[in-house]
Amino acid sequence: EPGSYELLPLVYRNLARSDTAHPLLPRLKGVYRKTWAVNGLLSERVSAIADALREKEIPALFVEGVALAERFYPESGLRPTSAIDVLVDERDRRSALAHLARAGWSNPAPTRSAGEPQYLYDAARTVCLLRTTLANDLVRRASGSVAVTDLWEAAGSEVVGGGAVLVPSATDT
């Protein structure tokens, strides 16, 4: 059922540690190994995106996906993820899109509404969500301004795919 798949690598790891000869263990191991392989490929793509944006001095905050899985899980095969989720400032959006296009990311259906994520794809059909805000309704009550400045100020570095990327602080995550 939806949502359960994400738990299967954790079930595998716990069953494997318990020394139980459960008949589903080989299948669960396959799910774990697939997750490990996909996350490894995504890690490399995160690093490439970070390098491409850094080259143009575009600050990027990796807010979901494999960057956070590597931060909070002891093994990369324990948390399935399917996309790269990166936040840039609205002022850098066009430049980020143009530079990522030169780096091999296509933009088949440009987003027209402000605040909506832009879906980008590479040749292997890896998905990158380029965001300028986390949600249209994530605003400060007093000023009505978008509340992402605090995320940037508290962000820290995490090594993903061999390179350092910026991620939200543990409490913001």
C-alpha atoms as a PDB file:
ATOM      1  CA  GLU A   1       0.000   0.000   0.000  1.00  0.00           C
ATOM      2  CA  PRO A   2       1.137   3.586  -0.529  1.00  0.00           C
ATOM      3  CA  GLY A   3       3.599   4.764   2.079  1.00  0.00           C
ATOM      4  CA  SER A   4       4.555   1.271   3.228  1.00  0.00           C
ATOM      5  CA  TYR A   5       7.321   0.756   0.674  1.00  0.00           C
ATOM      6  CA  GLU A   6       9.474   3.389   2.386  1.00  0.00           C
ATOM      7  CA  LEU A   7       9.526   1.233   5.529  1.00  0.00           C
ATOM      8  CA  LEU A   8      10.659  -2.006   3.858  1.00  0.00           C
ATOM      9  CA  PRO A   9      14.419  -1.329   3.964  1.00  0.00           C
ATOM     10  CA  LEU A  10      14.112  -0.682   7.720  1.00  0.00           C
ATOM     11  CA  VAL A  11      12.111  -3.903   8.133  1.00  0.00           C
ATOM     12  CA  TYR A  12      14.824  -5.744   6.215  1.00  0.00           C
ATOM     13  CA  ARG A  13      17.631  -4.310   8.344  1.00  0.00           C
ATOM     14  CA  ASN A  14      15.841  -5.199  11.601  1.00  0.00           C
ATOM     15  CA  LEU A  15      14.952  -8.729  10.463  1.00  0.00           C
ATOM     16  CA  ALA A  16      18.498  -9.318   9.204  1.00  0.00           C
ATOM     17  CA  ARG A  17      19.927  -8.220  12.560  1.00  0.00           C
ATOM     18  CA  SER A  18      17.536 -10.460  14.463  1.00  0.00           C
ATOM     19  CA  ASP A  19      18.957 -13.561  12.750  1.00  0.00           C
ATOM     20  CA  THR A  20      15.437 -14.599  11.763  1.00  0.00           C
ATOM     21  CA  ALA A  21      15.055 -16.830   8.714  1.00  0.00           C
ATOM     22  CA  HIS A  22      11.886 -15.102   7.516  1.00  0.00           C
ATOM     23  CA  PRO A  23      10.741 -16.225   4.045  1.00  0.00           C
ATOM     24  CA  LEU A  24      10.418 -12.597   2.860  1.00  0.00           C
ATOM     25  CA  LEU A  25      13.983 -11.721   3.854  1.00  0.00           C
ATOM     26  CA  PRO A  26      15.449 -12.190   0.328  1.00  0.00           C
ATOM     27  CA  ARG A  27      12.757  -9.955  -1.199  1.00  0.00           C
ATOM     28  CA  LEU A  28      13.270  -7.322   1.509  1.00  0.00           C
ATOM     29  CA  LYS A  29      17.007  -7.471   0.859  1.00  0.00           C
ATOM     30  CA  GLY A  30      16.281  -6.729  -2.797  1.00  0.00           C
ATOM     31  CA  VAL A  31      14.274  -3.649  -1.816  1.00  0.00           C
ATOM     32  CA  TYR A  32      17.139  -2.526   0.423  1.00  0.00           C
ATOM     33  CA  ARG A  33      19.730  -3.037  -2.329  1.00  0.00           C
ATOM     34  CA  LYS A  34      17.601  -1.196  -4.898  1.00  0.00           C
ATOM     35  CA  THR A  35      17.212   1.701  -2.455  1.00  0.00           C
ATOM     36  CA  TRP A  36      20.972   1.697  -1.822  1.00  0.00           C
ATOM     37  CA  ALA A  37      21.722   1.777  -5.570  1.00  0.00           C
ATOM     38  CA  VAL A  38      19.171   4.491  -6.406  1.00  0.00           C
ATOM     39  CA  ASN A  39      20.314   6.650  -3.501  1.00  0.00           C
ATOM     40  CA  GLY A  40      23.924   6.286  -4.605  1.00  0.00           C
ATOM     41  CA  LEU A  41      23.033   7.543  -8.078  1.00  0.00           C
ATOM     42  CA  LEU A  42      20.934  10.374  -6.640  1.00  0.00           C
ATOM     43  CA  SER A  43      23.813  11.356  -4.349  1.00  0.00           C
ATOM     44  CA  GLU A  44      26.049  11.815  -7.377  1.00  0.00           C
ATOM     45  CA  ARG A  45      23.393  13.950  -9.081  1.00  0.00           C
ATOM     46  CA  VAL A  46      22.975  16.093  -5.926  1.00  0.00           C
ATOM     47  CA  SER A  47      26.698  16.732  -5.921  1.00  0.00           C
ATOM     48  CA  ALA A  48      26.652  17.612  -9.640  1.00  0.00           C
ATOM     49  CA  ILE A  49      23.738  20.028  -9.181  1.00  0.00           C
ATOM     50  CA  ALA A  50      25.439  21.652  -6.196  1.00  0.00           C
ATOM     51  CA  ASP A  51      28.663  22.047  -8.193  1.00  0.00           C
ATOM     52  CA  ALA A  52      26.818  23.522 -11.190  1.00  0.00           C
ATOM     53  CA  LEU A  53      24.990  26.084  -9.056  1.00  0.00           C
ATOM     54  CA  ARG A  54      28.070  26.858  -6.971  1.00  0.00           C
ATOM     55  CA  GLU A  55      29.985  27.557 -10.185  1.00  0.00           C
ATOM     56  CA  LYS A  56      27.542  30.406 -10.894  1.00  0.00           C
ATOM     57  CA  GLU A  57      27.501  31.444  -7.212  1.00  0.00           C
ATOM     58  CA  ILE A  58      23.848  30.479  -6.807  1.00  0.00           C
ATOM     59  CA  PRO A  59      23.162  29.446  -3.206  1.00  0.00           C
ATOM     60  CA  ALA A  60      21.258  26.150  -3.077  1.00  0.00           C
ATOM     61  CA  LEU A  61      19.618  24.482  -0.082  1.00  0.00           C
ATOM     62  CA  PHE A  62      18.830  20.772  -0.502  1.00  0.00           C
ATOM     63  CA  VAL A  63      15.610  20.396   1.472  1.00  0.00           C
ATOM     64  CA  GLU A  64      14.475  16.800   0.950  1.00  0.00           C
ATOM     65  CA  GLY A  65      15.482  13.498  -0.542  1.00  0.00           C
ATOM     66  CA  VAL A  66      18.816  11.762  -0.487  1.00  0.00           C
ATOM     67  CA  ALA A  67      20.682  14.703   1.092  1.00  0.00           C
ATOM     68  CA  LEU A  68      18.560  14.369   4.204  1.00  0.00           C
ATOM     69  CA  ALA A  69      18.471  10.570   4.069  1.00  0.00           C
ATOM     70  CA  GLU A  70      22.261  10.508   4.235  1.00  0.00           C
ATOM     71  CA  ARG A  71      22.155  12.922   7.133  1.00  0.00           C
ATOM     72  CA  PHE A  72      19.721  11.028   9.336  1.00  0.00           C
ATOM     73  CA  TYR A  73      20.079   7.354   8.380  1.00  0.00           C
ATOM     74  CA  PRO A  74      23.192   5.283   9.135  1.00  0.00           C
ATOM     75  CA  GLU A  75      23.014   3.480   5.762  1.00  0.00           C
ATOM     76  CA  SER A  76      22.034   4.921   2.398  1.00  0.00           C
ATOM     77  CA  GLY A  77      19.839   1.921   1.670  1.00  0.00           C
ATOM     78  CA  LEU A  78      17.461   2.565   4.562  1.00  0.00           C
ATOM     79  CA  ARG A  79      15.441   5.500   3.185  1.00  0.00           C
ATOM     80  CA  PRO A  80      13.972   5.322  -0.319  1.00  0.00           C
ATOM     81  CA  THR A  81      13.874   8.611  -2.168  1.00  0.00           C
ATOM     82  CA  SER A  82      13.058   9.389  -5.757  1.00  0.00           C
ATOM     83  CA  ALA A  83      13.879  13.037  -6.396  1.00  0.00           C
ATOM     84  CA  ILE A  84      16.318  15.832  -5.673  1.00  0.00           C
ATOM     85  CA  ASP A  85      14.666  18.789  -3.974  1.00  0.00           C
ATOM     86  CA  VAL A  86      16.601  22.058  -4.052  1.00  0.00           C
ATOM     87  CA  LEU A  87      15.636  25.525  -2.874  1.00  0.00           C
ATOM     88  CA  VAL A  88      17.042  28.669  -4.482  1.00  0.00           C
ATOM     89  CA  ASP A  89      16.151  32.315  -3.991  1.00  0.00           C
ATOM     90  CA  GLU A  90      13.457  33.632  -6.334  1.00  0.00           C
ATOM     91  CA  ARG A  91      15.970  36.162  -7.696  1.00  0.00           C
ATOM     92  CA  ASP A  92      18.239  33.264  -8.763  1.00  0.00           C
ATOM     93  CA  ARG A  93      15.525  31.075 -10.293  1.00  0.00           C
ATOM     94  CA  ARG A  94      16.030  32.029 -13.961  1.00  0.00           C
ATOM     95  CA  SER A  95      19.801  31.843 -13.709  1.00  0.00           C
ATOM     96  CA  ALA A  96      19.580  28.453 -11.928  1.00  0.00           C
ATOM     97  CA  LEU A  97      17.226  27.097 -14.610  1.00  0.00           C
ATOM     98  CA  ALA A  98      19.489  28.312 -17.407  1.00  0.00           C
ATOM     99  CA  HIS A  99      22.638  26.940 -15.839  1.00  0.00           C
ATOM    100  CA  LEU A 100      21.074  23.588 -14.976  1.00  0.00           C
ATOM    101  CA  ALA A 101      19.816  23.371 -18.578  1.00  0.00           C
ATOM    102  CA  ARG A 102      23.418  23.787 -19.760  1.00  0.00           C
ATOM    103  CA  ALA A 103      24.388  21.056 -17.267  1.00  0.00           C
ATOM    104  CA  GLY A 104      21.942  18.608 -18.922  1.00  0.00           C
ATOM    105  CA  TRP A 105      18.667  19.191 -17.058  1.00  0.00           C
ATOM    106  CA  SER A 106      15.616  19.637 -19.270  1.00  0.00           C
ATOM    107  CA  ASN A 107      12.573  21.690 -18.457  1.00  0.00           C
ATOM    108  CA  PRO A 108       9.741  20.155 -20.550  1.00  0.00           C
ATOM    109  CA  ALA A 109       6.831  21.953 -18.843  1.00  0.00           C
ATOM    110  CA  PRO A 110       7.853  25.332 -17.421  1.00  0.00           C
ATOM    111  CA  THR A 111       5.951  26.393 -14.325  1.00  0.00           C
ATOM    112  CA  ARG A 112       4.016  29.582 -14.794  1.00  0.00           C
ATOM    113  CA  SER A 113       2.773  30.215 -11.240  1.00  0.00           C
ATOM    114  CA  ALA A 114       5.060  31.877  -8.713  1.00  0.00           C
ATOM    115  CA  GLY A 115       6.099  29.629  -5.870  1.00  0.00           C
ATOM    116  CA  GLU A 116       5.421  26.354  -7.671  1.00  0.00           C
ATOM    117  CA  PRO A 117       8.343  23.941  -7.993  1.00  0.00           C
ATOM    118  CA  GLN A 118       9.913  23.557 -11.407  1.00  0.00           C
ATOM    119  CA  TYR A 119      10.371  19.923 -12.447  1.00  0.00           C
ATOM    120  CA  LEU A 120      13.662  19.250 -14.216  1.00  0.00           C
ATOM    121  CA  TYR A 121      14.888  15.963 -15.719  1.00  0.00           C
ATOM    122  CA  ASP A 122      18.301  14.691 -16.744  1.00  0.00           C
ATOM    123  CA  ALA A 123      19.033  12.131 -19.466  1.00  0.00           C
ATOM    124  CA  ALA A 124      18.397   9.257 -17.029  1.00  0.00           C
ATOM    125  CA  ARG A 125      14.976  10.802 -16.124  1.00  0.00           C
ATOM    126  CA  THR A 126      16.161  11.741 -12.626  1.00  0.00           C
ATOM    127  CA  VAL A 127      13.792  14.335 -11.168  1.00  0.00           C
ATOM    128  CA  CYS A 128      14.996  17.592  -9.655  1.00  0.00           C
ATOM    129  CA  LEU A 129      12.430  19.904  -8.080  1.00  0.00           C
ATOM    130  CA  LEU A 130      13.754  23.430  -8.181  1.00  0.00           C
ATOM    131  CA  ARG A 131      11.903  25.480  -5.587  1.00  0.00           C
ATOM    132  CA  THR A 132      11.885  29.098  -4.539  1.00  0.00           C
ATOM    133  CA  THR A 133       9.722  28.460  -1.496  1.00  0.00           C
ATOM    134  CA  LEU A 134       8.714  25.371   0.433  1.00  0.00           C
ATOM    135  CA  ALA A 135       4.991  26.070   0.160  1.00  0.00           C
ATOM    136  CA  ASN A 136       2.855  28.956  -0.999  1.00  0.00           C
ATOM    137  CA  ASP A 137       1.269  29.194   2.434  1.00  0.00           C
ATOM    138  CA  LEU A 138       4.545  29.145   4.418  1.00  0.00           C
ATOM    139  CA  VAL A 139       4.484  32.816   5.458  1.00  0.00           C
ATOM    140  CA  ARG A 140       5.161  34.801   8.609  1.00  0.00           C
ATOM    141  CA  ARG A 141       2.002  35.919  10.400  1.00  0.00           C
ATOM    142  CA  ALA A 142       3.227  39.406  11.263  1.00  0.00           C
ATOM    143  CA  SER A 143       4.715  40.497   7.939  1.00  0.00           C
ATOM    144  CA  GLY A 144       3.160  38.135   5.407  1.00  0.00           C
ATOM    145  CA  SER A 145       6.623  37.497   3.933  1.00  0.00           C
ATOM    146  CA  VAL A 146       7.736  34.057   2.839  1.00  0.00           C
ATOM    147  CA  ALA A 147       9.457  32.343   5.779  1.00  0.00           C
ATOM    148  CA  VAL A 148      12.542  30.767   4.224  1.00  0.00           C
ATOM    149  CA  THR A 149      15.167  33.229   5.443  1.00  0.00           C
ATOM    150  CA  ASP A 150      15.383  31.405   8.780  1.00  0.00           C
ATOM    151  CA  LEU A 151      16.037  28.121   6.939  1.00  0.00           C
ATOM    152  CA  TRP A 152      18.982  29.651   5.098  1.00  0.00           C
ATOM    153  CA  GLU A 153      20.445  31.248   8.217  1.00  0.00           C
ATOM    154  CA  ALA A 154      20.359  28.020  10.248  1.00  0.00           C
ATOM    155  CA  ALA A 155      21.436  25.693   7.416  1.00  0.00           C
ATOM    156  CA  GLY A 156      24.489  23.481   7.710  1.00  0.00           C
ATOM    157  CA  SER A 157      26.728  21.473   5.439  1.00  0.00           C
ATOM    158  CA  GLU A 158      26.383  17.772   4.637  1.00  0.00           C
ATOM    159  CA  VAL A 159      28.613  15.634   2.412  1.00  0.00           C
ATOM    160  CA  VAL A 160      26.537  14.011  -0.334  1.00  0.00           C
ATOM    161  CA  GLY A 161      27.978  12.209  -3.330  1.00  0.00           C
ATOM    162  CA  GLY A 162      31.485  13.277  -2.399  1.00  0.00           C
ATOM    163  CA  GLY A 163      30.686  16.990  -2.208  1.00  0.00           C
ATOM    164  CA  ALA A 164      29.425  19.331   0.478  1.00  0.00           C
ATOM    165  CA  VAL A 165      25.877  20.638   0.066  1.00  0.00           C
ATOM    166  CA  LEU A 166      23.781  22.965   2.174  1.00  0.00           C
ATOM    167  CA  VAL A 167      20.885  21.351   4.069  1.00  0.00           C
ATOM    168  CA  PRO A 168      18.401  22.655   6.640  1.00  0.00           C
ATOM    169  CA  SER A 169      19.362  22.375  10.301  1.00  0.00           C
ATOM    170  CA  ALA A 170      18.221  19.216  12.080  1.00  0.00           C
ATOM    171  CA  THR A 171      15.454  21.087  13.900  1.00  0.00           C
ATOM    172  CA  ASP A 172      14.197  22.746  10.700  1.00  0.00           C
ATOM    173  CA  THR A 173      14.137  19.385   8.960  1.00  0.00           C
END
